[in-house]
Amino acid sequence: MKKVSEDRRKSRAKAHLGWEKIVRESNGACEATLHRLAVQFPKLSPMELKTSVLLRDFLQSWKIAEILNITEGTVEKHRSQIHKKLSLSSSVQLSSFFAQF
């Protein structure tokens, strides 16, 4: 059990570093977008918001997964939850939707 919690902690730290690198390279633009989306869409979880910011930049699921240190399947689950929480049709392209913010 101790090994599992240590692995989770390392995984979270790695995800934090990937996101922080993106924020740093964007000179804070990602954080500003994240804040705008959080205000506009309060139903989204913190990870769904980060996923939305990365989708806004037209990144593919595998790249989002790499940055956030999650699986592509988890990214797809976030996409599905975003569609549901925002009452968007599954035909709506999230990248195009979030590009307007």
PDB file of N, CA and C in Angstrom:
ATOM      1  N   MET A   1       0.814  -1.189   0.000  1.00  0.00           N
ATOM      2  CA  MET A   1       0.000   0.000   0.000  1.00  0.00           C
ATOM      3  C   MET A   1       0.863   1.261   0.000  1.00  0.00           C
ATOM      4  N   LYS A   2       1.947   1.243   0.727  1.00  0.00           N
ATOM      5  CA  LYS A   2       2.839   2.389   0.791  1.00  0.00           C
ATOM      6  C   LYS A   2       3.423   2.711  -0.585  1.00  0.00           C
ATOM      7  N   LYS A   3       3.759   1.673  -1.343  1.00  0.00           N
ATOM      8  CA  LYS A   3       4.327   1.837  -2.679  1.00  0.00           C
ATOM      9  C   LYS A   3       3.326   2.517  -3.605  1.00  0.00           C
ATOM     10  N   VAL A   4       2.058   2.125  -3.526  1.00  0.00           N
ATOM     11  CA  VAL A   4       1.022   2.707  -4.377  1.00  0.00           C
ATOM     12  C   VAL A   4       0.881   4.193  -4.104  1.00  0.00           C
ATOM     13  N   SER A   5       0.799   4.597  -2.833  1.00  0.00           N
ATOM     14  CA  SER A   5       0.631   6.017  -2.517  1.00  0.00           C
ATOM     15  C   SER A   5       1.871   6.814  -2.929  1.00  0.00           C
ATOM     16  N   GLU A   6       3.048   6.229  -2.825  1.00  0.00           N
ATOM     17  CA  GLU A   6       4.265   6.905  -3.261  1.00  0.00           C
ATOM     18  C   GLU A   6       4.245   7.101  -4.776  1.00  0.00           C
ATOM     19  N   ASP A   7       3.798   6.075  -5.510  1.00  0.00           N
ATOM     20  CA  ASP A   7       3.694   6.177  -6.962  1.00  0.00           C
ATOM     21  C   ASP A   7       2.694   7.257  -7.366  1.00  0.00           C
ATOM     22  N   ARG A   8       1.568   7.334  -6.655  1.00  0.00           N
ATOM     23  CA  ARG A   8       0.570   8.367  -6.948  1.00  0.00           C
ATOM     24  C   ARG A   8       1.134   9.754  -6.702  1.00  0.00           C
ATOM     25  N   ARG A   9       1.860   9.904  -5.627  1.00  0.00           N
ATOM     26  CA  ARG A   9       2.451  11.198  -5.297  1.00  0.00           C
ATOM     27  C   ARG A   9       3.447  11.622  -6.379  1.00  0.00           C
ATOM     28  N   LYS A  10       4.274  10.690  -6.829  1.00  0.00           N
ATOM     29  CA  LYS A  10       5.235  10.991  -7.893  1.00  0.00           C
ATOM     30  C   LYS A  10       4.510  11.335  -9.187  1.00  0.00           C
ATOM     31  N   SER A  11       3.433  10.613  -9.469  1.00  0.00           N
ATOM     32  CA  SER A  11       2.653  10.853 -10.676  1.00  0.00           C
ATOM     33  C   SER A  11       2.036  12.249 -10.655  1.00  0.00           C
ATOM     34  N   ARG A  12       1.480  12.640  -9.515  1.00  0.00           N
ATOM     35  CA  ARG A  12       0.893  13.975  -9.377  1.00  0.00           C
ATOM     36  C   ARG A  12       1.965  15.050  -9.540  1.00  0.00           C
ATOM     37  N   ALA A  13       3.133  14.802  -8.965  1.00  0.00           N
ATOM     38  CA  ALA A  13       4.219  15.769  -9.074  1.00  0.00           C
ATOM     39  C   ALA A  13       4.646  15.924 -10.532  1.00  0.00           C
ATOM     40  N   LYS A  14       4.718  14.823 -11.259  1.00  0.00           N
ATOM     41  CA  LYS A  14       5.095  14.866 -12.666  1.00  0.00           C
ATOM     42  C   LYS A  14       4.042  15.628 -13.470  1.00  0.00           C
ATOM     43  N   ALA A  15       2.770  15.380 -13.203  1.00  0.00           N
ATOM     44  CA  ALA A  15       1.684  16.086 -13.889  1.00  0.00           C
ATOM     45  C   ALA A  15       1.768  17.579 -13.600  1.00  0.00           C
ATOM     46  N   HIS A  16       2.041  17.912 -12.359  1.00  0.00           N
ATOM     47  CA  HIS A  16       2.158  19.314 -11.967  1.00  0.00           C
ATOM     48  C   HIS A  16       3.284  19.982 -12.750  1.00  0.00           C
ATOM     49  N   LEU A  17       4.412  19.295 -12.902  1.00  0.00           N
ATOM     50  CA  LEU A  17       5.550  19.854 -13.627  1.00  0.00           C
ATOM     51  C   LEU A  17       5.226  20.049 -15.098  1.00  0.00           C
ATOM     52  N   GLY A  18       4.502  19.098 -15.714  1.00  0.00           N
ATOM     53  CA  GLY A  18       4.123  19.225 -17.121  1.00  0.00           C
ATOM     54  C   GLY A  18       3.226  20.424 -17.338  1.00  0.00           C
ATOM     55  N   TRP A  19       2.236  20.577 -16.464  1.00  0.00           N
ATOM     56  CA  TRP A  19       1.328  21.715 -16.554  1.00  0.00           C
ATOM     57  C   TRP A  19       2.080  23.013 -16.284  1.00  0.00           C
ATOM     58  N   GLU A  20       2.924  23.019 -15.264  1.00  0.00           N
ATOM     59  CA  GLU A  20       3.687  24.221 -14.925  1.00  0.00           C
ATOM     60  C   GLU A  20       4.587  24.658 -16.077  1.00  0.00           C
ATOM     61  N   LYS A  21       5.150  23.707 -16.783  1.00  0.00           N
ATOM     62  CA  LYS A  21       5.992  24.036 -17.938  1.00  0.00           C
ATOM     63  C   LYS A  21       5.164  24.741 -19.005  1.00  0.00           C
ATOM     64  N   ILE A  22       3.966  24.242 -19.258  1.00  0.00           N
ATOM     65  CA  ILE A  22       3.074  24.860 -20.243  1.00  0.00           C
ATOM     66  C   ILE A  22       2.724  26.286 -19.799  1.00  0.00           C
ATOM     67  N   VAL A  23       2.385  26.443 -18.527  1.00  0.00           N
ATOM     68  CA  VAL A  23       2.040  27.768 -17.994  1.00  0.00           C
ATOM     69  C   VAL A  23       3.220  28.718 -18.137  1.00  0.00           C
ATOM     70  N   ARG A  24       4.391  28.250 -17.760  1.00  0.00           N
ATOM     71  CA  ARG A  24       5.603  29.083 -17.827  1.00  0.00           C
ATOM     72  C   ARG A  24       5.886  29.513 -19.269  1.00  0.00           C
ATOM     73  N   GLU A  25       5.787  28.573 -20.194  1.00  0.00           N
ATOM     74  CA  GLU A  25       6.071  28.873 -21.600  1.00  0.00           C
ATOM     75  C   GLU A  25       5.029  29.787 -22.224  1.00  0.00           C
ATOM     76  N   SER A  26       3.838  29.824 -21.643  1.00  0.00           N
ATOM     77  CA  SER A  26       2.776  30.688 -22.192  1.00  0.00           C
ATOM     78  C   SER A  26       2.773  32.072 -21.560  1.00  0.00           C
ATOM     79  N   ASN A  27       3.739  32.319 -20.673  1.00  0.00           N
ATOM     80  CA  ASN A  27       3.822  33.606 -19.968  1.00  0.00           C
ATOM     81  C   ASN A  27       2.524  33.950 -19.250  1.00  0.00           C
ATOM     82  N   GLY A  28       1.888  32.935 -18.671  1.00  0.00           N
ATOM     83  CA  GLY A  28       0.686  33.155 -17.887  1.00  0.00           C
ATOM     84  C   GLY A  28      -0.616  33.124 -18.675  1.00  0.00           C
ATOM     85  N   ALA A  29      -0.540  33.019 -19.998  1.00  0.00           N
ATOM     86  CA  ALA A  29      -1.762  33.010 -20.810  1.00  0.00           C
ATOM     87  C   ALA A  29      -2.642  31.809 -20.463  1.00  0.00           C
ATOM     88  N   CYS A  30      -2.031  30.667 -20.172  1.00  0.00           N
ATOM     89  CA  CYS A  30      -2.809  29.471 -19.806  1.00  0.00           C
ATOM     90  C   CYS A  30      -3.580  29.703 -18.517  1.00  0.00           C
ATOM     91  N   GLU A  31      -2.938  30.316 -17.543  1.00  0.00           N
ATOM     92  CA  GLU A  31      -3.608  30.579 -16.264  1.00  0.00           C
ATOM     93  C   GLU A  31      -4.774  31.547 -16.447  1.00  0.00           C
ATOM     94  N   ALA A  32      -4.592  32.543 -17.301  1.00  0.00           N
ATOM     95  CA  ALA A  32      -5.670  33.501 -17.559  1.00  0.00           C
ATOM     96  C   ALA A  32      -6.848  32.799 -18.231  1.00  0.00           C
ATOM     97  N   THR A  33      -6.545  31.945 -19.203  1.00  0.00           N
ATOM     98  CA  THR A  33      -7.598  31.187 -19.884  1.00  0.00           C
ATOM     99  C   THR A  33      -8.277  30.241 -18.910  1.00  0.00           C
ATOM    100  N   LEU A  34      -7.492  29.582 -18.077  1.00  0.00           N
ATOM    101  CA  LEU A  34      -8.039  28.668 -17.077  1.00  0.00           C
ATOM    102  C   LEU A  34      -9.020  29.413 -16.165  1.00  0.00           C
ATOM    103  N   HIS A  35      -8.653  30.591 -15.734  1.00  0.00           N
ATOM    104  CA  HIS A  35      -9.521  31.384 -14.866  1.00  0.00           C
ATOM    105  C   HIS A  35     -10.817  31.764 -15.585  1.00  0.00           C
ATOM    106  N   ARG A  36     -10.706  32.243 -16.836  1.00  0.00           N
ATOM    107  CA  ARG A  36     -11.904  32.613 -17.603  1.00  0.00           C
ATOM    108  C   ARG A  36     -12.845  31.427 -17.764  1.00  0.00           C
ATOM    109  N   LEU A  37     -12.281  30.266 -18.075  1.00  0.00           N
ATOM    110  CA  LEU A  37     -13.106  29.070 -18.254  1.00  0.00           C
ATOM    111  C   LEU A  37     -13.744  28.641 -16.934  1.00  0.00           C
ATOM    112  N   ALA A  38     -13.000  28.749 -15.837  1.00  0.00           N
ATOM    113  CA  ALA A  38     -13.532  28.367 -14.523  1.00  0.00           C
ATOM    114  C   ALA A  38     -14.715  29.250 -14.143  1.00  0.00           C
ATOM    115  N   VAL A  39     -14.628  30.522 -14.477  1.00  0.00           N
ATOM    116  CA  VAL A  39     -15.722  31.448 -14.178  1.00  0.00           C
ATOM    117  C   VAL A  39     -16.919  31.143 -15.077  1.00  0.00           C
ATOM    118  N   GLN A  40     -16.653  30.917 -16.349  1.00  0.00           N
ATOM    119  CA  GLN A  40     -17.729  30.690 -17.320  1.00  0.00           C
ATOM    120  C   GLN A  40     -18.377  29.311 -17.153  1.00  0.00           C
ATOM    121  N   PHE A  41     -17.571  28.314 -16.768  1.00  0.00           N
ATOM    122  CA  PHE A  41     -18.063  26.939 -16.678  1.00  0.00           C
ATOM    123  C   PHE A  41     -17.730  26.336 -15.305  1.00  0.00           C
ATOM    124  N   PRO A  42     -18.416  26.786 -14.259  1.00  0.00           N
ATOM    125  CA  PRO A  42     -18.083  26.349 -12.903  1.00  0.00           C
ATOM    126  C   PRO A  42     -18.332  24.858 -12.639  1.00  0.00           C
ATOM    127  N   LYS A  43     -19.059  24.193 -13.499  1.00  0.00           N
ATOM    128  CA  LYS A  43     -19.317  22.761 -13.306  1.00  0.00           C
ATOM    129  C   LYS A  43     -18.104  21.891 -13.628  1.00  0.00           C
ATOM    130  N   LEU A  44     -17.143  22.434 -14.362  1.00  0.00           N
ATOM    131  CA  LEU A  44     -15.985  21.639 -14.756  1.00  0.00           C
ATOM    132  C   LEU A  44     -15.010  21.463 -13.597  1.00  0.00           C
ATOM    133  N   SER A  45     -14.478  20.252 -13.480  1.00  0.00           N
ATOM    134  CA  SER A  45     -13.477  19.957 -12.454  1.00  0.00           C
ATOM    135  C   SER A  45     -12.146  20.623 -12.831  1.00  0.00           C
ATOM    136  N   PRO A  46     -11.216  20.722 -11.888  1.00  0.00           N
ATOM    137  CA  PRO A  46      -9.907  21.305 -12.213  1.00  0.00           C
ATOM    138  C   PRO A  46      -9.200  20.589 -13.373  1.00  0.00           C
ATOM    139  N   MET A  47      -9.276  19.269 -13.406  1.00  0.00           N
ATOM    140  CA  MET A  47      -8.631  18.541 -14.510  1.00  0.00           C
ATOM    141  C   MET A  47      -9.364  18.749 -15.829  1.00  0.00           C
ATOM    142  N   GLU A  48     -10.679  18.850 -15.776  1.00  0.00           N
ATOM    143  CA  GLU A  48     -11.445  19.127 -16.995  1.00  0.00           C
ATOM    144  C   GLU A  48     -11.125  20.530 -17.511  1.00  0.00           C
ATOM    145  N   LEU A  49     -10.905  21.459 -16.612  1.00  0.00           N
ATOM    146  CA  LEU A  49     -10.516  22.816 -17.012  1.00  0.00           C
ATOM    147  C   LEU A  49      -9.144  22.815 -17.669  1.00  0.00           C
ATOM    148  N   LYS A  50      -8.189  22.115 -17.077  1.00  0.00           N
ATOM    149  CA  LYS A  50      -6.854  22.034 -17.682  1.00  0.00           C
ATOM    150  C   LYS A  50      -6.934  21.363 -19.044  1.00  0.00           C
ATOM    151  N   THR A  51      -7.726  20.298 -19.134  1.00  0.00           N
ATOM    152  CA  THR A  51      -7.915  19.611 -20.417  1.00  0.00           C
ATOM    153  C   THR A  51      -8.500  20.583 -21.435  1.00  0.00           C
ATOM    154  N   SER A  52      -9.465  21.392 -21.011  1.00  0.00           N
ATOM    155  CA  SER A  52     -10.100  22.369 -21.903  1.00  0.00           C
ATOM    156  C   SER A  52      -9.095  23.388 -22.421  1.00  0.00           C
ATOM    157  N   VAL A  53      -8.224  23.861 -21.537  1.00  0.00           N
ATOM    158  CA  VAL A  53      -7.193  24.825 -21.955  1.00  0.00           C
ATOM    159  C   VAL A  53      -6.295  24.201 -23.016  1.00  0.00           C
ATOM    160  N   LEU A  54      -5.919  22.964 -22.806  1.00  0.00           N
ATOM    161  CA  LEU A  54      -5.035  22.287 -23.764  1.00  0.00           C
ATOM    162  C   LEU A  54      -5.770  21.973 -25.066  1.00  0.00           C
ATOM    163  N   LEU A  55      -7.051  21.636 -24.972  1.00  0.00           N
ATOM    164  CA  LEU A  55      -7.858  21.420 -26.175  1.00  0.00           C
ATOM    165  C   LEU A  55      -7.970  22.712 -26.979  1.00  0.00           C
ATOM    166  N   ARG A  56      -8.070  23.820 -26.276  1.00  0.00           N
ATOM    167  CA  ARG A  56      -8.165  25.135 -26.923  1.00  0.00           C
ATOM    168  C   ARG A  56      -6.986  25.368 -27.857  1.00  0.00           C
ATOM    169  N   ASP A  57      -5.851  24.800 -27.518  1.00  0.00           N
ATOM    170  CA  ASP A  57      -4.650  24.932 -28.336  1.00  0.00           C
ATOM    171  C   ASP A  57      -4.550  23.828 -29.394  1.00  0.00           C
ATOM    172  N   PHE A  58      -5.655  23.116 -29.597  1.00  0.00           N
ATOM    173  CA  PHE A  58      -5.760  22.067 -30.614  1.00  0.00           C
ATOM    174  C   PHE A  58      -4.747  20.938 -30.418  1.00  0.00           C
ATOM    175  N   LEU A  59      -4.428  20.647 -29.154  1.00  0.00           N
ATOM    176  CA  LEU A  59      -3.532  19.522 -28.875  1.00  0.00           C
ATOM    177  C   LEU A  59      -4.307  18.219 -28.971  1.00  0.00           C
ATOM    178  N   GLN A  60      -3.628  17.184 -29.422  1.00  0.00           N
ATOM    179  CA  GLN A  60      -4.242  15.869 -29.521  1.00  0.00           C
ATOM    180  C   GLN A  60      -4.270  15.206 -28.149  1.00  0.00           C
ATOM    181  N   SER A  61      -5.146  14.216 -28.020  1.00  0.00           N
ATOM    182  CA  SER A  61      -5.322  13.536 -26.724  1.00  0.00           C
ATOM    183  C   SER A  61      -4.022  12.964 -26.184  1.00  0.00           C
ATOM    184  N   TRP A  62      -3.186  12.391 -27.044  1.00  0.00           N
ATOM    185  CA  TRP A  62      -1.950  11.775 -26.556  1.00  0.00           C
ATOM    186  C   TRP A  62      -1.029  12.832 -25.957  1.00  0.00           C
ATOM    187  N   LYS A  63      -1.024  14.049 -26.534  1.00  0.00           N
ATOM    188  CA  LYS A  63      -0.165  15.114 -26.023  1.00  0.00           C
ATOM    189  C   LYS A  63      -0.718  15.666 -24.709  1.00  0.00           C
ATOM    190  N   ILE A  64      -2.037  15.807 -24.624  1.00  0.00           N
ATOM    191  CA  ILE A  64      -2.675  16.247 -23.378  1.00  0.00           C
ATOM    192  C   ILE A  64      -2.382  15.238 -22.273  1.00  0.00           C
ATOM    193  N   ALA A  65      -2.490  13.957 -22.610  1.00  0.00           N
ATOM    194  CA  ALA A  65      -2.207  12.894 -21.639  1.00  0.00           C
ATOM    195  C   ALA A  65      -0.767  12.991 -21.143  1.00  0.00           C
ATOM    196  N   GLU A  66       0.145  13.243 -22.048  1.00  0.00           N
ATOM    197  CA  GLU A  66       1.562  13.362 -21.687  1.00  0.00           C
ATOM    198  C   GLU A  66       1.791  14.555 -20.752  1.00  0.00           C
ATOM    199  N   ILE A  67       1.203  15.685 -21.068  1.00  0.00           N
ATOM    200  CA  ILE A  67       1.377  16.906 -20.267  1.00  0.00           C
ATOM    201  C   ILE A  67       0.800  16.729 -18.867  1.00  0.00           C
ATOM    202  N   LEU A  68      -0.410  16.141 -18.793  1.00  0.00           N
ATOM    203  CA  LEU A  68      -1.084  16.001 -17.503  1.00  0.00           C
ATOM    204  C   LEU A  68      -0.738  14.697 -16.786  1.00  0.00           C
ATOM    205  N   ASN A  69       0.094  13.870 -17.435  1.00  0.00           N
ATOM    206  CA  ASN A  69       0.516  12.586 -16.873  1.00  0.00           C
ATOM    207  C   ASN A  69      -0.685  11.698 -16.539  1.00  0.00           C
ATOM    208  N   ILE A  70      -1.577  11.587 -17.515  1.00  0.00           N
ATOM    209  CA  ILE A  70      -2.738  10.713 -17.414  1.00  0.00           C
ATOM    210  C   ILE A  70      -2.801   9.880 -18.680  1.00  0.00           C
ATOM    211  N   THR A  71      -3.703   8.933 -18.742  1.00  0.00           N
ATOM    212  CA  THR A  71      -3.814   8.107 -19.942  1.00  0.00           C
ATOM    213  C   THR A  71      -4.677   8.811 -20.989  1.00  0.00           C
ATOM    214  N   GLU A  72      -4.529   8.371 -22.224  1.00  0.00           N
ATOM    215  CA  GLU A  72      -5.384   8.904 -23.287  1.00  0.00           C
ATOM    216  C   GLU A  72      -6.848   8.594 -22.988  1.00  0.00           C
ATOM    217  N   GLY A  73      -7.098   7.443 -22.394  1.00  0.00           N
ATOM    218  CA  GLY A  73      -8.455   7.078 -22.009  1.00  0.00           C
ATOM    219  C   GLY A  73      -9.056   8.071 -21.024  1.00  0.00           C
ATOM    220  N   THR A  74      -8.239   8.537 -20.100  1.00  0.00           N
ATOM    221  CA  THR A  74      -8.703   9.528 -19.128  1.00  0.00           C
ATOM    222  C   THR A  74      -8.993  10.852 -19.830  1.00  0.00           C
ATOM    223  N   VAL A  75      -8.174  11.216 -20.793  1.00  0.00           N
ATOM    224  CA  VAL A  75      -8.429  12.436 -21.567  1.00  0.00           C
ATOM    225  C   VAL A  75      -9.772  12.306 -22.283  1.00  0.00           C
ATOM    226  N   GLU A  76     -10.013  11.129 -22.883  1.00  0.00           N
ATOM    227  CA  GLU A  76     -11.283  10.910 -23.577  1.00  0.00           C
ATOM    228  C   GLU A  76     -12.464  10.981 -22.603  1.00  0.00           C
ATOM    229  N   LYS A  77     -12.259  10.474 -21.395  1.00  0.00           N
ATOM    230  CA  LYS A  77     -13.312  10.556 -20.376  1.00  0.00           C
ATOM    231  C   LYS A  77     -13.574  12.016 -20.015  1.00  0.00           C
ATOM    232  N   HIS A  78     -12.507  12.805 -19.876  1.00  0.00           N
ATOM    233  CA  HIS A  78     -12.668  14.234 -19.600  1.00  0.00           C
ATOM    234  C   HIS A  78     -13.441  14.910 -20.739  1.00  0.00           C
ATOM    235  N   ARG A  79     -13.090  14.572 -21.973  1.00  0.00           N
ATOM    236  CA  ARG A  79     -13.798  15.142 -23.127  1.00  0.00           C
ATOM    237  C   ARG A  79     -15.295  14.836 -23.033  1.00  0.00           C
ATOM    238  N   SER A  80     -15.608  13.595 -22.740  1.00  0.00           N
ATOM    239  CA  SER A  80     -17.004  13.166 -22.639  1.00  0.00           C
ATOM    240  C   SER A  80     -17.727  13.921 -21.522  1.00  0.00           C
ATOM    241  N   GLN A  81     -17.066  14.050 -20.371  1.00  0.00           N
ATOM    242  CA  GLN A  81     -17.667  14.765 -19.241  1.00  0.00           C
ATOM    243  C   GLN A  81     -17.872  16.245 -19.563  1.00  0.00           C
ATOM    244  N   ILE A  82     -16.936  16.830 -20.295  1.00  0.00           N
ATOM    245  CA  ILE A  82     -17.055  18.237 -20.685  1.00  0.00           C
ATOM    246  C   ILE A  82     -18.279  18.414 -21.576  1.00  0.00           C
ATOM    247  N   HIS A  83     -18.417  17.527 -22.572  1.00  0.00           N
ATOM    248  CA  HIS A  83     -19.597  17.581 -23.441  1.00  0.00           C
ATOM    249  C   HIS A  83     -20.880  17.516 -22.602  1.00  0.00           C
ATOM    250  N   LYS A  84     -20.901  16.567 -21.671  1.00  0.00           N
ATOM    251  CA  LYS A  84     -22.100  16.354 -20.856  1.00  0.00           C
ATOM    252  C   LYS A  84     -22.379  17.560 -19.950  1.00  0.00           C
ATOM    253  N   LYS A  85     -21.364  18.021 -19.224  1.00  0.00           N
ATOM    254  CA  LYS A  85     -21.557  19.111 -18.274  1.00  0.00           C
ATOM    255  C   LYS A  85     -21.934  20.431 -18.943  1.00  0.00           C
ATOM    256  N   LEU A  86     -21.479  20.617 -20.186  1.00  0.00           N
ATOM    257  CA  LEU A  86     -21.791  21.852 -20.906  1.00  0.00           C
ATOM    258  C   LEU A  86     -22.981  21.684 -21.839  1.00  0.00           C
ATOM    259  N   SER A  87     -23.599  20.501 -21.783  1.00  0.00           N
ATOM    260  CA  SER A  87     -24.763  20.191 -22.629  1.00  0.00           C
ATOM    261  C   SER A  87     -24.466  20.422 -24.111  1.00  0.00           C
ATOM    262  N   LEU A  88     -23.289  19.964 -24.531  1.00  0.00           N
ATOM    263  CA  LEU A  88     -22.895  20.095 -25.928  1.00  0.00           C
ATOM    264  C   LEU A  88     -23.170  18.798 -26.672  1.00  0.00           C
ATOM    265  N   SER A  89     -23.551  18.915 -27.898  1.00  0.00           N
ATOM    266  CA  SER A  89     -23.740  17.743 -28.743  1.00  0.00           C
ATOM    267  C   SER A  89     -22.388  17.055 -28.925  1.00  0.00           C
ATOM    268  N   SER A  90     -22.414  15.751 -29.062  1.00  0.00           N
ATOM    269  CA  SER A  90     -21.151  15.019 -29.258  1.00  0.00           C
ATOM    270  C   SER A  90     -20.492  15.385 -30.583  1.00  0.00           C
ATOM    271  N   SER A  91     -21.233  16.030 -31.485  1.00  0.00           N
ATOM    272  CA  SER A  91     -20.652  16.441 -32.760  1.00  0.00           C
ATOM    273  C   SER A  91     -19.855  17.746 -32.644  1.00  0.00           C
ATOM    274  N   VAL A  92     -19.998  18.442 -31.515  1.00  0.00           N
ATOM    275  CA  VAL A  92     -19.261  19.692 -31.306  1.00  0.00           C
ATOM    276  C   VAL A  92     -17.792  19.371 -31.065  1.00  0.00           C
ATOM    277  N   GLN A  93     -16.917  20.005 -31.832  1.00  0.00           N
ATOM    278  CA  GLN A  93     -15.485  19.845 -31.655  1.00  0.00           C
ATOM    279  C   GLN A  93     -15.053  20.730 -30.494  1.00  0.00           C
ATOM    280  N   LEU A  94     -14.571  20.124 -29.429  1.00  0.00           N
ATOM    281  CA  LEU A  94     -14.207  20.907 -28.244  1.00  0.00           C
ATOM    282  C   LEU A  94     -13.088  21.898 -28.524  1.00  0.00           C
ATOM    283  N   SER A  95     -12.140  21.526 -29.359  1.00  0.00           N
ATOM    284  CA  SER A  95     -11.045  22.454 -29.663  1.00  0.00           C
ATOM    285  C   SER A  95     -11.584  23.740 -30.270  1.00  0.00           C
ATOM    286  N   SER A  96     -12.485  23.593 -31.221  1.00  0.00           N
ATOM    287  CA  SER A  96     -13.088  24.775 -31.868  1.00  0.00           C
ATOM    288  C   SER A  96     -13.954  25.543 -30.880  1.00  0.00           C
ATOM    289  N   PHE A  97     -14.704  24.826 -30.049  1.00  0.00           N
ATOM    290  CA  PHE A  97     -15.559  25.458 -29.048  1.00  0.00           C
ATOM    291  C   PHE A  97     -14.736  26.312 -28.094  1.00  0.00           C
ATOM    292  N   PHE A  98     -13.640  25.744 -27.555  1.00  0.00           N
ATOM    293  CA  PHE A  98     -12.841  26.470 -26.575  1.00  0.00           C
ATOM    294  C   PHE A  98     -11.915  27.514 -27.213  1.00  0.00           C
ATOM    295  N   ALA A  99     -11.711  27.445 -28.522  1.00  0.00           N
ATOM    296  CA  ALA A  99     -10.865  28.420 -29.199  1.00  0.00           C
ATOM    297  C   ALA A  99     -11.439  29.829 -29.110  1.00  0.00           C
ATOM    298  N   GLN A 100     -12.740  29.935 -28.878  1.00  0.00           N
ATOM    299  CA  GLN A 100     -13.370  31.248 -28.788  1.00  0.00           C
ATOM    300  C   GLN A 100     -13.169  31.920 -27.430  1.00  0.00           C
ATOM    301  N   PHE A 101     -12.520  31.240 -26.492  1.00  0.00           N
ATOM    302  CA  PHE A 101     -12.340  31.810 -25.158  1.00  0.00           C
ATOM    303  C   PHE A 101     -10.908  32.245 -24.936  1.00  0.00           C
TER     304      PHE A 101
END
